[in-house]
Amino acid sequence: VATGSWDSISWDNRSVNTGNWGFSTDAVNNTVTFWVDAAAGTARIDVTPEPATIGLLLIGAAFIMRRRCA
């Protein structure tokens, strides 16, 4: 592993014997974004729902707004 590469990141900046992270999603079409801030020593995984879920949420919100206006 080359120091400073994305092969391995560690808290002590040596990039030696670092731990592995594993994750999985529950749907085939999910988009996963993996954020690493090596300077702060943090990492985050964001999962974006598949488009049908977002569409259903928008339809539900439109229904609620229509009902409030009536």
PDB file of N, CA and C in Angstrom:
ATOM      1  N   VAL A   1       0.851  -1.181   0.000  1.00  0.00           N
ATOM      2  CA  VAL A   1       0.000   0.000   0.000  1.00  0.00           C
ATOM      3  C   VAL A   1       0.891   1.236   0.000  1.00  0.00           C
ATOM      4  N   ALA A   2       0.642   2.129  -0.913  1.00  0.00           N
ATOM      5  CA  ALA A   2       1.417   3.366  -0.994  1.00  0.00           C
ATOM      6  C   ALA A   2       0.840   4.399  -0.035  1.00  0.00           C
ATOM      7  N   THR A   3       1.683   5.008   0.780  1.00  0.00           N
ATOM      8  CA  THR A   3       1.229   6.036   1.709  1.00  0.00           C
ATOM      9  C   THR A   3       0.624   7.196   0.926  1.00  0.00           C
ATOM     10  N   GLY A   4      -0.536   7.666   1.391  1.00  0.00           N
ATOM     11  CA  GLY A   4      -1.222   8.755   0.721  1.00  0.00           C
ATOM     12  C   GLY A   4      -2.155   8.303  -0.384  1.00  0.00           C
ATOM     13  N   SER A   5      -2.205   7.003  -0.656  1.00  0.00           N
ATOM     14  CA  SER A   5      -3.113   6.501  -1.686  1.00  0.00           C
ATOM     15  C   SER A   5      -4.465   6.190  -1.050  1.00  0.00           C
ATOM     16  N   TRP A   6      -5.455   5.905  -1.871  1.00  0.00           N
ATOM     17  CA  TRP A   6      -6.780   5.543  -1.374  1.00  0.00           C
ATOM     18  C   TRP A   6      -6.880   4.046  -1.102  1.00  0.00           C
ATOM     19  N   ASP A   7      -5.771   3.331  -1.234  1.00  0.00           N
ATOM     20  CA  ASP A   7      -5.779   1.905  -0.926  1.00  0.00           C
ATOM     21  C   ASP A   7      -6.051   1.667   0.550  1.00  0.00           C
ATOM     22  N   SER A   8      -5.510   2.535   1.391  1.00  0.00           N
ATOM     23  CA  SER A   8      -5.607   2.339   2.829  1.00  0.00           C
ATOM     24  C   SER A   8      -5.427   3.678   3.529  1.00  0.00           C
ATOM     25  N   ILE A   9      -6.296   3.965   4.499  1.00  0.00           N
ATOM     26  CA  ILE A   9      -6.210   5.206   5.261  1.00  0.00           C
ATOM     27  C   ILE A   9      -6.246   4.826   6.735  1.00  0.00           C
ATOM     28  N   SER A  10      -5.343   5.385   7.519  1.00  0.00           N
ATOM     29  CA  SER A  10      -5.339   5.086   8.950  1.00  0.00           C
ATOM     30  C   SER A  10      -5.207   6.361   9.759  1.00  0.00           C
ATOM     31  N   TRP A  11      -5.502   6.250  11.031  1.00  0.00           N
ATOM     32  CA  TRP A  11      -5.458   7.412  11.918  1.00  0.00           C
ATOM     33  C   TRP A  11      -4.040   7.904  12.163  1.00  0.00           C
ATOM     34  N   ASP A  12      -3.049   7.044  12.017  1.00  0.00           N
ATOM     35  CA  ASP A  12      -1.670   7.441  12.306  1.00  0.00           C
ATOM     36  C   ASP A  12      -0.882   7.818  11.044  1.00  0.00           C
ATOM     37  N   ASN A  13      -1.555   7.895   9.904  1.00  0.00           N
ATOM     38  CA  ASN A  13      -0.962   8.294   8.620  1.00  0.00           C
ATOM     39  C   ASN A  13       0.092   7.330   8.094  1.00  0.00           C
ATOM     40  N   ARG A  14       0.195   6.130   8.660  1.00  0.00           N
ATOM     41  CA  ARG A  14       1.149   5.154   8.154  1.00  0.00           C
ATOM     42  C   ARG A  14       0.508   4.248   7.109  1.00  0.00           C
ATOM     43  N   SER A  15      -0.791   4.129   7.137  1.00  0.00           N
ATOM     44  CA  SER A  15      -1.531   3.290   6.188  1.00  0.00           C
ATOM     45  C   SER A  15      -1.068   1.841   6.230  1.00  0.00           C
ATOM     46  N   VAL A  16      -0.767   1.347   7.417  1.00  0.00           N
ATOM     47  CA  VAL A  16      -0.309  -0.025   7.591  1.00  0.00           C
ATOM     48  C   VAL A  16      -1.280  -0.754   8.516  1.00  0.00           C
ATOM     49  N   ASN A  17      -1.682  -1.964   8.129  1.00  0.00           N
ATOM     50  CA  ASN A  17      -2.575  -2.801   8.940  1.00  0.00           C
ATOM     51  C   ASN A  17      -3.877  -2.092   9.314  1.00  0.00           C
ATOM     52  N   THR A  18      -4.455  -1.407   8.376  1.00  0.00           N
ATOM     53  CA  THR A  18      -5.713  -0.709   8.644  1.00  0.00           C
ATOM     54  C   THR A  18      -6.880  -1.685   8.584  1.00  0.00           C
ATOM     55  N   GLY A  19      -7.955  -1.316   9.249  1.00  0.00           N
ATOM     56  CA  GLY A  19      -9.144  -2.160   9.268  1.00  0.00           C
ATOM     57  C   GLY A  19      -9.943  -2.056   7.982  1.00  0.00           C
ATOM     58  N   ASN A  20     -10.771  -3.042   7.743  1.00  0.00           N
ATOM     59  CA  ASN A  20     -11.644  -3.046   6.567  1.00  0.00           C
ATOM     60  C   ASN A  20     -13.059  -2.687   6.979  1.00  0.00           C
ATOM     61  N   TRP A  21     -13.766  -2.025   6.103  1.00  0.00           N
ATOM     62  CA  TRP A  21     -15.172  -1.694   6.314  1.00  0.00           C
ATOM     63  C   TRP A  21     -15.988  -2.455   5.299  1.00  0.00           C
ATOM     64  N   GLY A  22     -17.097  -2.984   5.732  1.00  0.00           N
ATOM     65  CA  GLY A  22     -18.023  -3.630   4.815  1.00  0.00           C
ATOM     66  C   GLY A  22     -19.412  -3.048   4.997  1.00  0.00           C
ATOM     67  N   PHE A  23     -20.157  -2.935   3.923  1.00  0.00           N
ATOM     68  CA  PHE A  23     -21.541  -2.476   4.007  1.00  0.00           C
ATOM     69  C   PHE A  23     -22.316  -3.050   2.840  1.00  0.00           C
ATOM     70  N   SER A  24     -23.626  -3.111   2.987  1.00  0.00           N
ATOM     71  CA  SER A  24     -24.488  -3.589   1.904  1.00  0.00           C
ATOM     72  C   SER A  24     -25.769  -2.768   1.905  1.00  0.00           C
ATOM     73  N   THR A  25     -26.453  -2.778   0.785  1.00  0.00           N
ATOM     74  CA  THR A  25     -27.735  -2.088   0.673  1.00  0.00           C
ATOM     75  C   THR A  25     -28.831  -3.117   0.480  1.00  0.00           C
ATOM     76  N   ASP A  26     -30.074  -2.683   0.679  1.00  0.00           N
ATOM     77  CA  ASP A  26     -31.195  -3.613   0.588  1.00  0.00           C
ATOM     78  C   ASP A  26     -31.853  -3.636  -0.787  1.00  0.00           C
ATOM     79  N   ALA A  27     -31.415  -2.797  -1.695  1.00  0.00           N
ATOM     80  CA  ALA A  27     -32.011  -2.761  -3.030  1.00  0.00           C
ATOM     81  C   ALA A  27     -30.901  -2.713  -4.083  1.00  0.00           C
ATOM     82  N   VAL A  28     -31.232  -3.175  -5.262  1.00  0.00           N
ATOM     83  CA  VAL A  28     -30.242  -3.248  -6.336  1.00  0.00           C
ATOM     84  C   VAL A  28     -29.881  -1.867  -6.870  1.00  0.00           C
ATOM     85  N   ASN A  29     -30.850  -0.957  -6.965  1.00  0.00           N
ATOM     86  CA  ASN A  29     -30.623   0.326  -7.631  1.00  0.00           C
ATOM     87  C   ASN A  29     -30.239   1.467  -6.698  1.00  0.00           C
ATOM     88  N   ASN A  30     -29.866   1.191  -5.462  1.00  0.00           N
ATOM     89  CA  ASN A  30     -29.453   2.263  -4.565  1.00  0.00           C
ATOM     90  C   ASN A  30     -28.097   2.821  -4.979  1.00  0.00           C
ATOM     91  N   THR A  31     -27.951   4.134  -4.822  1.00  0.00           N
ATOM     92  CA  THR A  31     -26.675   4.792  -5.053  1.00  0.00           C
ATOM     93  C   THR A  31     -26.014   5.011  -3.702  1.00  0.00           C
ATOM     94  N   VAL A  32     -24.774   4.595  -3.577  1.00  0.00           N
ATOM     95  CA  VAL A  32     -24.046   4.725  -2.317  1.00  0.00           C
ATOM     96  C   VAL A  32     -22.887   5.691  -2.525  1.00  0.00           C
ATOM     97  N   THR A  33     -22.792   6.686  -1.646  1.00  0.00           N
ATOM     98  CA  THR A  33     -21.691   7.638  -1.676  1.00  0.00           C
ATOM     99  C   THR A  33     -20.859   7.430  -0.422  1.00  0.00           C
ATOM    100  N   PHE A  34     -19.573   7.232  -0.602  1.00  0.00           N
ATOM    101  CA  PHE A  34     -18.663   6.989   0.509  1.00  0.00           C
ATOM    102  C   PHE A  34     -17.782   8.219   0.677  1.00  0.00           C
ATOM    103  N   TRP A  35     -17.924   8.917   1.809  1.00  0.00           N
ATOM    104  CA  TRP A  35     -17.187  10.145   2.074  1.00  0.00           C
ATOM    105  C   TRP A  35     -16.074   9.859   3.075  1.00  0.00           C
ATOM    106  N   VAL A  36     -14.864  10.288   2.778  1.00  0.00           N
ATOM    107  CA  VAL A  36     -13.738  10.132   3.699  1.00  0.00           C
ATOM    108  C   VAL A  36     -13.074  11.493   3.892  1.00  0.00           C
ATOM    109  N   ASP A  37     -12.938  11.896   5.142  1.00  0.00           N
ATOM    110  CA  ASP A  37     -12.188  13.100   5.490  1.00  0.00           C
ATOM    111  C   ASP A  37     -10.976  12.639   6.295  1.00  0.00           C
ATOM    112  N   ALA A  38      -9.877  12.376   5.601  1.00  0.00           N
ATOM    113  CA  ALA A  38      -8.689  11.829   6.252  1.00  0.00           C
ATOM    114  C   ALA A  38      -8.097  12.811   7.255  1.00  0.00           C
ATOM    115  N   ALA A  39      -8.196  14.108   6.992  1.00  0.00           N
ATOM    116  CA  ALA A  39      -7.634  15.106   7.904  1.00  0.00           C
ATOM    117  C   ALA A  39      -8.377  15.109   9.240  1.00  0.00           C
ATOM    118  N   ALA A  40      -9.704  14.945   9.189  1.00  0.00           N
ATOM    119  CA  ALA A  40     -10.511  14.933  10.414  1.00  0.00           C
ATOM    120  C   ALA A  40     -10.639  13.533  11.003  1.00  0.00           C
ATOM    121  N   GLY A  41     -10.271  12.521  10.230  1.00  0.00           N
ATOM    122  CA  GLY A  41     -10.374  11.145  10.712  1.00  0.00           C
ATOM    123  C   GLY A  41     -11.793  10.622  10.732  1.00  0.00           C
ATOM    124  N   THR A  42     -12.624  11.083   9.798  1.00  0.00           N
ATOM    125  CA  THR A  42     -14.019  10.646   9.757  1.00  0.00           C
ATOM    126  C   THR A  42     -14.355  10.038   8.401  1.00  0.00           C
ATOM    127  N   ALA A  43     -15.365   9.203   8.408  1.00  0.00           N
ATOM    128  CA  ALA A  43     -15.890   8.612   7.177  1.00  0.00           C
ATOM    129  C   ALA A  43     -17.397   8.524   7.311  1.00  0.00           C
ATOM    130  N   ARG A  44     -18.108   8.615   6.183  1.00  0.00           N
ATOM    131  CA  ARG A  44     -19.569   8.571   6.193  1.00  0.00           C
ATOM    132  C   ARG A  44     -20.039   7.854   4.944  1.00  0.00           C
ATOM    133  N   ILE A  45     -21.106   7.092   5.086  1.00  0.00           N
ATOM    134  CA  ILE A  45     -21.723   6.416   3.951  1.00  0.00           C
ATOM    135  C   ILE A  45     -23.142   6.945   3.815  1.00  0.00           C
ATOM    136  N   ASP A  46     -23.471   7.512   2.666  1.00  0.00           N
ATOM    137  CA  ASP A  46     -24.823   7.999   2.378  1.00  0.00           C
ATOM    138  C   ASP A  46     -25.449   7.101   1.328  1.00  0.00           C
ATOM    139  N   VAL A  47     -26.666   6.643   1.601  1.00  0.00           N
ATOM    140  CA  VAL A  47     -27.400   5.811   0.647  1.00  0.00           C
ATOM    141  C   VAL A  47     -28.561   6.630   0.109  1.00  0.00           C
ATOM    142  N   THR A  48     -28.614   6.798  -1.207  1.00  0.00           N
ATOM    143  CA  THR A  48     -29.697   7.514  -1.866  1.00  0.00           C
ATOM    144  C   THR A  48     -30.741   6.494  -2.299  1.00  0.00           C
ATOM    145  N   PRO A  49     -32.012   6.684  -1.893  1.00  0.00           N
ATOM    146  CA  PRO A  49     -33.037   5.710  -2.277  1.00  0.00           C
ATOM    147  C   PRO A  49     -33.227   5.641  -3.786  1.00  0.00           C
ATOM    148  N   GLU A  50     -33.702   4.521  -4.241  1.00  0.00           N
ATOM    149  CA  GLU A  50     -33.967   4.356  -5.666  1.00  0.00           C
ATOM    150  C   GLU A  50     -35.082   5.306  -6.101  1.00  0.00           C
ATOM    151  N   PRO A  51     -35.168   5.659  -7.380  1.00  0.00           N
ATOM    152  CA  PRO A  51     -36.097   6.684  -7.866  1.00  0.00           C
ATOM    153  C   PRO A  51     -37.571   6.424  -7.553  1.00  0.00           C
ATOM    154  N   ALA A  52     -38.017   5.188  -7.526  1.00  0.00           N
ATOM    155  CA  ALA A  52     -39.434   4.908  -7.262  1.00  0.00           C
ATOM    156  C   ALA A  52     -39.828   5.357  -5.860  1.00  0.00           C
ATOM    157  N   THR A  53     -38.952   5.200  -4.893  1.00  0.00           N
ATOM    158  CA  THR A  53     -39.247   5.625  -3.524  1.00  0.00           C
ATOM    159  C   THR A  53     -39.419   7.133  -3.461  1.00  0.00           C
ATOM    160  N   ILE A  54     -38.539   7.861  -4.118  1.00  0.00           N
ATOM    161  CA  ILE A  54     -38.644   9.318  -4.138  1.00  0.00           C
ATOM    162  C   ILE A  54     -39.932   9.738  -4.837  1.00  0.00           C
ATOM    163  N   GLY A  55     -40.294   9.065  -5.918  1.00  0.00           N
ATOM    164  CA  GLY A  55     -41.539   9.363  -6.626  1.00  0.00           C
ATOM    165  C   GLY A  55     -42.758   9.160  -5.743  1.00  0.00           C
ATOM    166  N   LEU A  56     -42.788   8.077  -4.990  1.00  0.00           N
ATOM    167  CA  LEU A  56     -43.911   7.823  -4.083  1.00  0.00           C
ATOM    168  C   LEU A  56     -43.998   8.887  -2.993  1.00  0.00           C
ATOM    169  N   LEU A  57     -42.870   9.320  -2.487  1.00  0.00           N
ATOM    170  CA  LEU A  57     -42.875  10.383  -1.482  1.00  0.00           C
ATOM    171  C   LEU A  57     -43.422  11.688  -2.060  1.00  0.00           C
ATOM    172  N   LEU A  58     -43.050  12.012  -3.290  1.00  0.00           N
ATOM    173  CA  LEU A  58     -43.555  13.231  -3.929  1.00  0.00           C
ATOM    174  C   LEU A  58     -45.052  13.156  -4.185  1.00  0.00           C
ATOM    175  N   ILE A  59     -45.541  12.002  -4.612  1.00  0.00           N
ATOM    176  CA  ILE A  59     -46.984  11.831  -4.836  1.00  0.00           C
ATOM    177  C   ILE A  59     -47.738  11.986  -3.521  1.00  0.00           C
ATOM    178  N   GLY A  60     -47.221  11.391  -2.454  1.00  0.00           N
ATOM    179  CA  GLY A  60     -47.855  11.520  -1.139  1.00  0.00           C
ATOM    180  C   GLY A  60     -47.882  12.962  -0.667  1.00  0.00           C
ATOM    181  N   ALA A  61     -46.779  13.694  -0.871  1.00  0.00           N
ATOM    182  CA  ALA A  61     -46.726  15.099  -0.472  1.00  0.00           C
ATOM    183  C   ALA A  61     -47.720  15.930  -1.276  1.00  0.00           C
ATOM    184  N   ALA A  62     -47.852  15.653  -2.573  1.00  0.00           N
ATOM    185  CA  ALA A  62     -48.814  16.381  -3.410  1.00  0.00           C
ATOM    186  C   ALA A  62     -50.239  16.114  -2.945  1.00  0.00           C
ATOM    187  N   PHE A  63     -50.518  14.883  -2.572  1.00  0.00           N
ATOM    188  CA  PHE A  63     -51.840  14.514  -2.064  1.00  0.00           C
ATOM    189  C   PHE A  63     -52.172  15.278  -0.784  1.00  0.00           C
ATOM    190  N   ILE A  64     -51.208  15.361   0.118  1.00  0.00           N
ATOM    191  CA  ILE A  64     -51.416  16.073   1.383  1.00  0.00           C
ATOM    192  C   ILE A  64     -51.630  17.558   1.128  1.00  0.00           C
ATOM    193  N   MET A  65     -50.844  18.154   0.242  1.00  0.00           N
ATOM    194  CA  MET A  65     -50.996  19.577  -0.070  1.00  0.00           C
ATOM    195  C   MET A  65     -52.348  19.855  -0.711  1.00  0.00           C
ATOM    196  N   ARG A  66     -52.801  18.963  -1.575  1.00  0.00           N
ATOM    197  CA  ARG A  66     -54.097  19.133  -2.238  1.00  0.00           C
ATOM    198  C   ARG A  66     -55.225  19.074  -1.212  1.00  0.00           C
ATOM    199  N   ARG A  67     -55.083  18.169  -0.259  1.00  0.00           N
ATOM    200  CA  ARG A  67     -56.113  17.997   0.762  1.00  0.00           C
ATOM    201  C   ARG A  67     -56.190  19.213   1.682  1.00  0.00           C
ATOM    202  N   ARG A  68     -55.057  19.810   1.992  1.00  0.00           N
ATOM    203  CA  ARG A  68     -55.031  20.990   2.859  1.00  0.00           C
ATOM    204  C   ARG A  68     -55.669  22.197   2.179  1.00  0.00           C
ATOM    205  N   CYS A  69     -55.470  22.323   0.877  1.00  0.00           N
ATOM    206  CA  CYS A  69     -56.004  23.475   0.137  1.00  0.00           C
ATOM    207  C   CYS A  69     -57.506  23.370  -0.089  1.00  0.00           C
ATOM    208  N   ALA A  70     -58.046  22.166  -0.073  1.00  0.00           N
ATOM    209  CA  ALA A  70     -59.471  21.973  -0.369  1.00  0.00           C
ATOM    210  C   ALA A  70     -60.363  22.248   0.814  1.00  0.00           C
TER     211      ALA A  70
END
